[in-house]
Protein backbone atom coordinates (compact mmCIF):
# COMPACT_ATOMS: atom_id res chain seq x y z
CA MET A 1 127.41 90.64 87.69
CA HIS A 2 130.64 92.49 87.26
CA GLY A 3 134.14 92.53 88.72
CA ALA A 4 135.11 90.24 91.58
CA MET A 5 131.60 89.93 92.84
CA GLY A 6 130.00 87.07 90.96
CA ASP A 7 130.68 84.39 93.54
CA SER A 8 130.39 86.55 96.64
CA ALA A 9 127.02 85.87 98.29
CA GLY A 10 127.55 88.34 101.15
CA LEU A 11 129.03 91.21 99.17
CA GLN A 12 131.08 93.44 101.47
CA PHE A 13 132.95 95.73 99.07
CA VAL A 14 132.35 97.87 96.03
CA SER A 15 133.78 96.46 92.81
CA SER A 16 136.04 98.58 90.63
CA TYR A 17 133.32 98.44 87.95
CA ALA A 18 130.70 99.85 90.35
CA PHE A 19 133.13 102.44 91.73
CA GLU A 20 133.97 103.67 88.25
CA ALA A 21 130.27 103.83 87.34
CA MET A 22 129.66 105.99 90.44
CA GLN A 23 132.71 108.15 89.84
CA LYS A 24 131.66 108.90 86.26
CA VAL A 25 127.92 108.96 87.11
CA ASP A 26 127.44 106.44 84.34
CA VAL A 27 123.76 105.63 84.84
CA VAL A 28 123.80 102.96 82.14
CA ARG A 29 126.53 101.07 84.00
CA LEU A 30 124.81 101.73 87.33
CA ALA A 31 121.59 100.25 85.97
CA ALA A 32 123.52 97.12 84.94
CA LEU A 33 124.74 96.44 88.49
CA SER A 34 123.42 93.46 90.42
CA ASP A 35 121.20 94.09 93.45
CA PRO A 36 124.02 93.38 95.95
CA GLU A 37 126.35 95.76 94.07
CA LEU A 38 123.70 98.46 93.91
CA ARG A 39 122.83 98.04 97.59
CA LEU A 40 126.36 99.04 98.60
CA LEU A 41 125.97 102.30 96.69
CA LEU A 42 122.48 103.22 97.94
CA PRO A 43 123.48 105.95 100.42
CA CYS A 44 125.53 107.74 97.75
CA LEU A 45 122.89 107.32 95.07
CA VAL A 46 120.12 108.59 97.35
CA ARG A 47 122.13 111.69 98.25
CA MET A 48 122.97 112.29 94.59
CA ALA A 49 119.32 112.02 93.60
CA LEU A 50 117.73 114.00 96.42
CA CYS A 51 120.18 116.65 97.58
CA ALA A 52 120.53 119.95 95.76
CA PRO A 53 123.21 119.53 93.10
CA ALA A 54 126.02 121.93 92.29
CA ASP A 55 125.59 120.90 88.66
CA GLN A 56 122.46 122.54 87.23
CA SER A 57 122.98 121.28 83.68
CA GLN A 58 120.32 119.55 81.61
CA SER A 59 122.44 116.41 81.32
CA TRP A 60 122.63 116.14 85.12
CA ALA A 61 118.86 116.60 85.34
CA GLN A 62 118.45 113.65 82.96
CA ASP A 63 120.97 111.52 84.88
CA LYS A 64 119.18 112.39 88.11
CA LYS A 65 115.87 111.17 86.65
CA LEU A 66 117.51 107.89 85.66
CA ILE A 67 119.02 107.48 89.13
CA LEU A 68 115.60 108.13 90.71
CA ARG A 69 114.07 105.51 88.41
CA LEU A 70 116.82 103.08 89.40
CA LEU A 71 116.16 103.73 93.10
CA SER A 72 112.38 103.53 92.84
CA GLY A 73 112.39 99.74 92.93
CA VAL A 74 114.57 99.42 96.03
CA GLU A 75 112.75 99.15 99.35
CA ALA A 76 115.72 100.20 101.53
CA VAL A 77 115.76 103.63 99.87
CA ASN A 78 112.93 104.88 102.11
CA SER A 79 115.01 104.21 105.23
CA ILE A 80 117.97 106.06 103.75
CA VAL A 81 115.79 109.00 102.72
CA ALA A 82 114.50 109.24 106.31
CA LEU A 83 118.08 109.47 107.58
CA LEU A 84 118.82 112.43 105.30
CA SER A 85 116.60 114.61 107.49
CA VAL A 86 118.53 113.83 110.69
CA ASP A 87 120.55 116.69 112.18
CA PHE A 88 123.80 114.79 112.64
CA HIS A 89 125.60 117.77 114.16
CA ALA A 90 123.09 118.00 117.02
CA LEU A 91 123.17 114.22 117.40
CA GLU A 92 126.97 114.29 117.68
CA GLN A 93 126.81 117.02 120.33
CA ASP A 94 124.30 115.00 122.35
CA ALA A 95 126.50 111.90 122.03
CA ARG A 96 129.51 113.84 123.32
CA LYS A 97 127.48 115.16 126.26
CA GLU A 98 126.29 111.63 127.00
CA GLN A 99 129.86 110.37 126.89
CA GLN A 100 130.92 113.03 129.41
CA LEU A 101 127.92 112.29 131.62
CA ARG A 102 128.70 108.56 131.63
CA HIS A 103 132.36 109.27 132.38
CA LYS A 104 131.44 111.49 135.36
CA ALA A 105 128.88 108.98 136.63
CA GLY A 106 131.41 106.16 136.49
CA GLY A 107 129.63 104.37 133.69
CA SER A 108 126.22 104.10 135.29
CA ASN A 109 123.25 104.18 132.96
CA ALA A 110 121.17 106.28 135.34
CA GLU A 111 120.67 109.22 133.01
CA SER A 112 120.87 109.59 129.28
CA ILE A 113 120.93 112.64 127.09
CA LEU A 114 120.41 110.58 123.95
CA VAL A 115 117.52 108.44 125.17
CA SER A 116 114.72 109.34 127.54
CA GLN A 117 112.96 106.62 129.51
CA LEU A 118 112.17 103.55 127.44
CA GLN A 119 108.48 102.76 127.45
CA HIS A 120 109.03 99.20 126.21
CA GLY A 121 112.05 96.96 126.01
CA LEU A 122 114.97 98.19 123.94
CA THR A 123 114.24 95.93 120.97
CA LEU A 124 110.56 96.84 120.82
CA GLU A 125 111.39 100.51 121.27
CA PHE A 126 113.86 100.31 118.38
CA GLU A 127 111.39 98.55 116.08
CA HIS A 128 108.66 101.12 116.69
CA SER A 129 110.83 104.24 116.52
CA ASP A 130 111.56 106.77 113.83
CA PRO A 131 115.08 106.90 112.30
CA LEU A 132 116.37 109.61 114.65
CA ARG A 133 115.21 107.72 117.74
CA ARG A 134 116.80 104.54 116.36
CA LEU A 135 120.11 106.35 115.92
CA ARG A 136 119.86 107.71 119.47
CA LEU A 137 119.11 104.25 120.89
CA THR A 138 122.01 102.72 118.96
CA LEU A 139 124.44 105.45 120.01
CA SER A 140 123.37 105.15 123.63
CA GLU A 141 123.97 101.39 123.58
CA LEU A 142 127.34 101.79 121.84
CA LEU A 143 128.46 104.35 124.41
CA ALA A 144 127.38 102.03 127.23
CA ILE A 145 129.40 99.17 125.70
CA MET A 146 132.42 101.41 125.16
CA ASN A 147 132.21 102.56 128.77
CA LYS A 148 132.04 98.96 130.02
CA VAL A 149 135.05 97.97 127.93
CA GLN A 150 137.04 100.93 129.27
CA SER A 151 136.13 100.20 132.89
CA ASN A 152 136.96 96.48 132.46
CA ARG A 153 140.26 97.39 130.84
CA SER A 154 141.22 99.63 133.77
CA ILE A 155 140.50 96.77 136.21
CA PHE A 156 143.07 94.56 134.52
CA ILE A 157 145.78 97.21 134.20
């Protein structure tokens, strides 16, 4: 363990050691990170390893192989990889439309652009859905909560 992380069971921040290792793409230092430290960097590492690089050098190709090897033992990587295929621009547009629809409808949950009819309960639907559907379900719930908070706030003003 490195930096200020040794005694932190529920690690919530990236140590300066881990940050510097990422910044310099120092795969030796990255490989030396503890599991909690590495977990915080997973989204960045997955993108680095799987997205087309601007750097086409041989040294980057070697570093990329080492990063892939480092990621191969981490189960959460598959979930992150699945999220890389999501069209976030389209998702954002749908979320904005949903927000407008909820605003016009006075906060009712009658219709949803993000989520079509749920076949099962929300929790079960979430557990059995692909990553895009999970994001849509989560966004829909967040927008519903935000709408409730806004309507409750206006009652007290």
